[in-house]
Protein backbone atom coordinates (compact mmCIF):
# COMPACT_ATOMS: atom_id res chain seq x y z
CA MET A 1 -21.85 7.77 -0.15
CA HIS A 2 -19.86 5.56 2.19
CA ILE A 3 -16.75 3.40 2.24
CA SER A 4 -18.03 -0.10 1.54
CA LYS A 5 -14.77 -2.04 1.48
CA VAL A 6 -11.11 -1.58 2.41
CA ILE A 7 -8.29 -3.83 1.21
CA ILE A 8 -4.86 -3.32 2.76
CA SER A 9 -1.65 -5.00 1.62
CA ASN A 10 1.72 -4.86 3.41
CA TYR A 11 0.86 -1.88 5.63
CA ARG A 12 1.93 -2.05 9.26
CA ASN A 13 0.36 -5.11 10.90
CA PHE A 14 -1.65 -5.99 7.76
CA GLU A 15 0.00 -8.28 5.24
CA ASN A 16 -3.28 -9.04 3.43
CA PHE A 17 -6.43 -7.64 4.97
CA GLU A 18 -9.94 -7.02 3.67
CA ILE A 19 -13.00 -5.68 5.46
CA ASP A 20 -16.52 -4.92 4.23
CA LEU A 21 -18.08 -1.85 5.83
CA LYS A 22 -21.64 -0.65 6.25
CA PRO A 23 -22.68 3.04 6.31
CA PHE A 24 -22.06 2.99 10.05
CA THR A 25 -19.37 0.59 11.25
CA VAL A 26 -17.76 0.42 14.68
CA LEU A 27 -14.23 -0.95 15.01
CA VAL A 28 -13.80 -2.80 18.29
CA GLY A 29 -10.84 -4.85 19.43
CA GLU A 30 -8.00 -5.32 21.85
CA ASN A 31 -5.14 -2.85 22.07
CA ASN A 32 -2.48 -3.14 19.38
CA ILE A 33 -4.70 -5.15 17.02
CA GLY A 34 -4.83 -2.61 14.15
CA LYS A 35 -7.92 -0.42 14.61
CA SER A 36 -5.92 2.79 14.24
CA ASN A 37 -3.95 1.31 11.35
CA ILE A 38 -7.20 0.80 9.42
CA ILE A 39 -8.11 4.46 9.97
CA ASN A 40 -4.58 5.58 9.00
CA ALA A 41 -4.69 3.43 5.85
CA ILE A 42 -7.97 5.07 4.83
CA GLY A 43 -6.37 8.45 5.55
CA LEU A 44 -3.53 7.65 3.13
CA VAL A 45 -6.13 7.63 0.36
CA LEU A 46 -8.78 10.12 1.40
CA SER A 47 -7.39 12.69 3.81
CA ASN A 48 -6.40 16.14 2.61
CA GLU A 49 -5.21 17.09 6.10
CA ILE A 50 -1.60 18.28 5.98
CA SER A 51 -0.40 15.69 8.53
CA PHE A 52 -1.70 12.85 6.33
CA TYR A 53 -0.41 14.53 3.18
CA LYS A 54 3.13 14.60 4.60
CA GLY A 55 2.66 11.09 6.00
CA ARG A 56 1.86 9.57 2.62
CA SER A 57 5.57 8.98 2.10
CA LEU A 58 6.07 6.03 4.38
CA GLU A 59 8.93 4.88 6.57
CA ILE A 60 10.37 1.38 6.73
CA GLU A 61 8.36 0.80 9.93
CA ASP A 62 5.13 1.28 7.94
CA PHE A 63 5.83 -1.84 5.88
CA ASN A 64 4.55 -5.11 7.25
CA TYR A 65 7.39 -6.89 9.08
CA ASN A 66 6.81 -10.25 7.35
CA THR A 67 6.81 -8.56 3.95
CA ILE A 68 10.25 -7.04 4.57
CA LYS A 69 11.51 -10.36 5.94
CA LYS A 70 10.30 -12.24 2.83
CA PHE A 71 11.85 -9.62 0.56
CA LYS A 72 15.24 -9.99 2.24
CA GLU A 73 14.95 -13.79 2.02
CA SER A 74 14.18 -13.51 -1.68
CA ILE A 75 17.35 -11.47 -2.22
CA VAL A 76 19.39 -14.14 -0.44
CA ASN A 77 17.72 -17.16 -2.09
CA MET A 78 16.43 -16.17 -5.52
CA PRO A 79 17.89 -15.05 -8.84
CA ILE A 80 17.57 -11.33 -9.48
CA SER A 81 15.03 -11.85 -12.26
CA ASP A 82 12.58 -13.47 -9.79
CA ILE A 83 12.81 -10.86 -7.02
CA ARG A 84 9.80 -8.56 -6.65
CA PHE A 85 9.98 -5.36 -4.64
CA PRO A 86 7.11 -5.17 -2.14
CA GLU A 87 4.56 -2.39 -2.27
CA VAL A 88 2.06 -1.01 0.17
CA ARG A 89 -1.41 -0.81 -1.30
CA VAL A 90 -4.69 0.44 0.13
CA ASP A 91 -7.86 0.06 -1.96
CA ILE A 92 -10.97 1.98 -0.90
CA PHE A 93 -14.36 1.16 -2.44
CA LEU A 94 -17.12 3.78 -2.28
CA SER A 95 -20.82 2.95 -2.67
CA ASP A 96 -24.32 4.42 -2.43
CA PHE A 97 -23.78 7.65 -4.35
CA TYR A 98 -25.77 6.78 -7.46
CA ASP A 99 -28.89 8.63 -6.28
CA ASN A 100 -26.94 11.81 -5.62
CA ASP A 101 -25.75 13.65 -8.75
CA GLU A 102 -23.27 15.82 -6.83
CA GLN A 103 -21.58 12.79 -5.28
CA LEU A 104 -21.64 10.93 -8.59
CA ALA A 105 -19.87 13.87 -10.26
CA VAL A 106 -17.07 13.62 -7.69
CA VAL A 107 -16.45 9.89 -8.22
CA SER A 108 -17.36 9.51 -11.91
CA ASP A 109 -13.73 9.06 -13.04
CA TRP A 110 -13.23 6.26 -10.52
CA LEU A 111 -16.27 4.11 -11.30
CA LEU A 112 -16.00 0.36 -11.75
CA ASN A 113 -17.94 -1.71 -14.29
CA ASP A 114 -21.06 -1.90 -12.15
CA TYR A 115 -21.35 1.94 -12.12
CA LYS A 116 -22.44 1.62 -8.48
CA THR A 117 -18.99 1.43 -6.95
CA ALA A 118 -15.95 3.68 -7.18
CA LYS A 119 -12.43 2.64 -6.31
CA LEU A 120 -9.49 4.73 -5.09
CA SER A 121 -6.09 3.23 -4.39
CA TYR A 122 -2.94 4.36 -2.62
CA ILE A 123 0.19 2.61 -3.89
CA TYR A 124 3.65 3.01 -2.40
CA GLN A 125 6.15 1.33 -4.67
CA ASN A 126 9.78 1.31 -5.73
CA LYS A 127 10.17 3.77 -8.62
CA ASN A 128 13.91 3.31 -9.15
CA PRO A 129 14.44 2.49 -12.84
CA ARG A 130 17.69 0.72 -11.89
CA LYS A 131 16.30 -1.86 -9.48
CA GLU A 132 18.34 -4.68 -11.02
CA LEU A 133 21.60 -2.75 -10.49
CA TRP A 134 20.66 -2.18 -6.86
CA LEU A 135 19.97 -5.91 -6.42
CA GLU A 136 23.28 -6.86 -8.07
CA SER A 137 25.14 -4.49 -5.77
CA VAL A 138 23.42 -5.90 -2.68
CA LYS A 139 24.05 -9.50 -3.76
CA ASN A 140 27.75 -8.70 -4.31
CA GLN A 141 28.02 -7.13 -0.84
CA ILE A 142 26.50 -10.11 0.99
CA THR A 143 28.06 -12.97 -0.98
CA GLY A 144 30.05 -15.29 1.27
CA LEU A 145 28.39 -14.26 4.53
CA ALA A 146 26.33 -16.56 6.72
CA VAL A 147 22.64 -16.54 5.74
CA GLU A 148 21.45 -14.67 8.85
CA GLU A 149 24.25 -12.14 8.46
CA GLU A 150 23.26 -11.66 4.81
CA LYS A 151 19.71 -10.71 5.80
CA LYS A 152 20.96 -8.31 8.49
CA ARG A 153 23.17 -6.48 5.99
CA ILE A 154 20.39 -5.82 3.47
CA ASN A 155 19.08 -2.29 3.83
CA PHE A 156 15.60 -1.85 2.41
CA PRO A 157 15.66 0.83 -0.35
CA ILE A 158 12.96 3.05 1.17
CA ASP A 159 14.42 6.17 -0.49
CA ASP A 160 13.52 4.71 -3.90
CA TYR A 161 9.81 4.52 -3.03
CA GLU A 162 7.11 6.99 -4.05
CA TYR A 163 3.37 7.01 -3.63
CA SER A 164 0.60 7.55 -6.11
CA ILE A 165 -3.14 7.70 -5.74
CA ILE A 166 -5.12 6.21 -8.60
CA GLY A 167 -8.78 5.57 -9.25
CA GLY A 168 -11.20 3.49 -11.27
CA LEU A 169 -10.73 0.59 -13.66
CA ASN A 170 -8.13 2.36 -15.76
CA GLU A 171 -6.20 3.32 -12.61
CA LYS A 172 -6.16 6.99 -13.61
CA LYS A 173 -3.93 9.16 -11.46
CA VAL A 174 -6.01 11.18 -9.02
CA ASP A 175 -5.28 14.88 -8.63
CA THR A 176 -4.33 15.15 -4.97
């Protein structure tokens, strides 16, 4: 079994990123290009190491900068009903386990329609049931300010975010 594809959304320097992987893939690139961020994103889904487990709850710095900027702009410029809270998502696709019954047993709940690929996803999203009230409060606080000042005054609601790890077509919660 190997990781055959990784899709990363809104995590660190990746706004929308997708890479196909072979059983042995080497990541090469300049400094500060995102090689470690790819490994860390995979760790959000797969690692059971305690440092990754604690790190699954992200900080504001873990969100892609442009994503946060667009979110703040949407609060300033859009009606509340059209505003969407950003989420960090990492999708991991696993392949080449179908000839190994032990590996197939591990991933069977996460299989896709082709029965040759399994999918696990890490999702970090706003779980506050009162998102609209939060948006109303923020809009009331910034009304009348200059546009750039409005954006500066918006504090991203990171404390309302929680992660989940799901798998397969039905996005069944994975026992971590």
